[in-house]
Protein backbone atom coordinates (compact mmCIF):
# COMPACT_ATOMS: atom_id res chain seq x y z
CA MET A 1 -1.21 -23.94 -3.63
CA LYS A 2 -3.25 -20.75 -3.32
CA THR A 3 -2.22 -18.22 -0.71
CA VAL A 4 -5.11 -16.74 1.23
CA THR A 5 -5.01 -13.70 3.50
CA LEU A 6 -7.75 -13.66 6.12
CA ASP A 7 -9.03 -10.26 7.23
CA THR A 8 -9.49 -9.74 10.95
CA ASN A 9 -13.28 -9.89 10.60
CA ILE A 10 -13.07 -13.53 9.48
CA ALA A 11 -12.10 -14.65 13.01
CA PRO A 12 -12.84 -17.22 14.19
CA VAL A 13 -11.15 -18.57 11.08
CA GLU A 14 -12.17 -22.23 11.34
CA ARG A 15 -15.36 -21.74 9.31
CA VAL A 16 -13.21 -20.79 6.31
CA THR A 17 -10.12 -22.94 6.87
CA ALA A 18 -12.09 -26.12 7.62
CA ALA A 19 -14.30 -25.72 4.54
CA VAL A 20 -11.52 -26.39 2.03
CA PRO A 21 -8.82 -29.04 1.55
CA ALA A 22 -5.90 -27.91 3.75
CA SER A 23 -3.31 -29.08 1.23
CA ASP A 24 -4.66 -26.66 -1.41
CA PHE A 25 -4.39 -23.44 0.62
CA ASP A 26 -1.85 -21.51 2.66
CA PHE A 27 -3.80 -19.34 5.10
CA ALA A 28 -2.31 -16.35 6.89
CA VAL A 29 -3.27 -13.18 8.70
CA ILE A 30 -1.34 -9.93 8.66
CA SER A 31 0.42 -9.04 11.93
CA VAL A 32 -1.98 -6.13 12.55
CA THR A 33 -4.72 -8.74 13.12
CA ASP A 34 -2.98 -9.89 16.30
CA ARG A 35 -3.28 -6.34 17.69
CA GLU A 36 -6.89 -6.00 16.59
CA LEU A 37 -7.85 -9.26 18.30
CA SER A 38 -5.70 -8.78 21.41
CA GLY A 39 -7.70 -9.74 24.48
CA SER A 40 -10.70 -11.02 22.51
CA THR A 41 -12.16 -14.49 22.76
CA VAL A 42 -11.40 -15.24 19.10
CA GLN A 43 -7.69 -14.39 19.37
CA LEU A 44 -6.78 -18.08 19.69
CA SER A 45 -8.55 -18.96 16.45
CA VAL A 46 -5.90 -17.19 14.36
CA ALA A 47 -3.03 -19.02 16.08
CA SER A 48 -3.47 -21.91 13.64
CA VAL A 49 -2.64 -19.86 10.54
CA GLY A 50 0.53 -18.21 9.29
CA ARG A 51 1.64 -14.61 9.65
CA VAL A 52 2.68 -11.96 7.16
CA LEU A 53 4.33 -8.90 8.64
CA GLU A 54 2.60 -5.60 7.99
CA THR A 55 4.41 -2.71 6.35
CA TRP A 56 5.46 -0.17 8.97
CA VAL A 57 2.97 2.65 9.61
CA LEU A 58 4.18 5.29 12.04
CA GLY A 59 1.91 5.55 15.07
CA GLU A 60 0.30 2.18 14.40
CA SER A 61 2.87 -0.57 13.86
CA VAL A 62 4.83 -2.26 16.64
CA LEU A 63 8.60 -2.54 16.39
CA GLY A 64 9.60 -6.09 15.45
CA GLN A 65 6.16 -6.86 13.99
CA ALA A 66 6.48 -4.87 10.78
CA VAL A 67 8.82 -4.41 7.84
CA LEU A 68 9.99 -1.21 6.24
CA GLY A 69 8.41 -0.46 2.91
CA GLY A 70 9.37 1.54 -0.11
CA SER A 71 7.59 4.05 -2.29
CA ARG A 72 5.48 1.29 -3.90
CA ASP A 73 4.20 0.29 -0.47
CA ALA A 74 3.43 3.92 0.41
CA ASP A 75 1.57 4.37 -2.88
CA CYS A 76 -0.42 1.18 -2.29
CA PHE A 77 -1.31 2.33 1.21
CA GLU A 78 -2.50 5.78 0.13
CA GLU A 79 -4.48 4.41 -2.83
CA ALA A 80 -6.05 1.64 -0.77
CA LEU A 81 -7.01 4.14 1.96
CA ALA A 82 -8.67 6.37 -0.63
CA ILE A 83 -10.61 3.46 -2.15
CA ILE A 84 -11.64 1.84 1.14
CA SER A 85 -12.77 5.17 2.62
CA ASN A 86 -14.35 6.46 -0.60
CA LYS A 87 -11.77 9.28 -0.56
CA ALA A 88 -12.89 10.43 2.89
CA PHE A 89 -9.74 9.46 4.84
CA PRO A 90 -7.68 12.34 6.25
CA GLY A 91 -4.47 13.29 4.43
CA ARG A 92 -1.05 12.29 5.77
CA GLU A 93 -0.63 15.50 7.77
CA GLN A 94 -4.03 15.14 9.45
CA ARG A 95 -3.81 11.62 10.88
CA GLY A 96 -2.72 12.46 14.42
CA ASN A 97 -6.17 11.96 15.93
CA LEU A 98 -8.06 9.33 13.97
CA THR A 99 -11.66 8.64 14.93
CA PRO A 100 -12.73 5.18 16.10
CA GLY A 101 -14.22 4.64 12.62
CA GLN A 102 -11.04 5.66 10.82
CA ARG A 103 -8.66 3.38 12.74
CA PRO A 104 -10.18 0.18 11.23
CA GLN A 105 -9.95 1.71 7.74
CA LEU A 106 -6.25 2.40 8.33
CA ARG A 107 -5.73 -1.19 9.43
CA ASP A 108 -7.75 -2.51 6.47
CA ALA A 109 -5.40 -0.68 4.11
CA MET A 110 -2.42 -2.09 6.03
CA ILE A 111 -3.80 -5.63 5.69
CA PHE A 112 -4.57 -5.23 2.00
CA CYS A 113 -1.20 -3.70 1.13
CA ALA A 114 0.76 -6.34 3.06
CA HIS A 115 -1.23 -8.92 1.09
CA VAL A 116 -0.28 -7.16 -2.17
CA ARG A 117 3.38 -6.78 -1.11
CA ALA A 118 3.60 -10.51 -0.32
CA HIS A 119 2.06 -11.42 -3.72
CA ARG A 120 -0.69 -13.45 -2.09
CA ASP A 121 -3.64 -14.69 -4.16
CA ILE A 122 -6.91 -14.10 -2.30
CA VAL A 123 -8.12 -11.76 0.44
CA VAL A 124 -11.09 -13.12 2.36
CA THR A 125 -13.03 -10.38 4.12
CA ASN A 126 -16.55 -9.76 5.31
CA ASP A 127 -16.03 -6.00 5.16
CA SER A 128 -18.29 -5.39 2.18
CA ARG A 129 -18.48 -1.66 2.84
CA GLY A 130 -14.71 -1.19 2.62
CA PHE A 131 -13.70 -3.79 0.06
CA ILE A 132 -16.69 -4.70 -2.12
CA ASP A 133 -19.61 -2.25 -2.22
CA GLY A 134 -19.77 0.66 -4.62
CA GLY A 135 -17.45 -1.03 -7.10
CA ARG A 136 -14.54 -1.09 -4.62
CA ARG A 137 -13.74 -4.75 -5.26
CA ALA A 138 -13.35 -4.19 -8.99
CA VAL A 139 -11.24 -1.07 -8.47
CA LEU A 140 -8.94 -2.74 -5.91
CA GLU A 141 -8.55 -5.91 -7.99
CA GLU A 142 -7.86 -3.99 -11.19
CA ARG A 143 -5.50 -1.47 -9.63
CA PHE A 144 -3.50 -4.03 -7.67
CA ASN A 145 -3.48 -6.88 -10.21
CA THR A 146 -6.30 -9.33 -10.82
CA ILE A 147 -4.42 -12.16 -9.06
CA ASN A 148 -5.33 -10.34 -5.84
CA LYS A 149 -8.93 -11.52 -5.65
CA ILE A 150 -11.21 -10.20 -2.93
CA MET A 151 -13.92 -12.54 -1.67
CA THR A 152 -16.32 -12.73 1.23
CA ALA A 153 -16.15 -15.84 3.41
CA ASP A 154 -19.34 -17.15 1.81
CA GLU A 155 -17.97 -16.60 -1.71
CA PHE A 156 -14.70 -18.32 -0.83
CA ILE A 157 -16.47 -21.33 0.67
CA ALA A 158 -18.92 -21.55 -2.26
CA THR A 159 -16.04 -21.39 -4.77
CA TYR A 160 -13.45 -23.63 -3.12
CA GLY A 161 -15.30 -25.58 -0.44
CA SER A 162 -15.95 -29.25 -0.62
CA PRO A 163 -19.63 -30.18 -0.45
CA TRP A 164 -18.86 -33.12 1.86
CA ARG A 165 -17.14 -31.02 4.54
């Protein structure tokens, strides 16, 4: 069974989850997705999939909805932030007042690194700018092990979907 992490921007998730045989895939979102979707109309769509707890990020994570990480997790987070932001993300000491555009990048790195920490197989995201464009997909997949494939929803459905669904 392949484990699939769904990025927040995949919600509503039914387009992806219904396109493949349910017995072949274990779908989950990272706990940060619940915060990102809080109060939105698509919040209920992620209720049908599993949860992976995010790695604690001070100033972002909620007590009881995150796990403590180690140096490997911190390294993953910093490297993923640099790749996703094209090295434009503020350094650790300068993150007190993130812009509205930087907050989603922070959460994207949290989602990706929780996926890596949990040894999941595939990340499905429609965030091409952060995860795919400019060679980012290749860099992320190579740096964090090729088992951690990154696919758009369309790529995932084209690869694994059943034509009769």
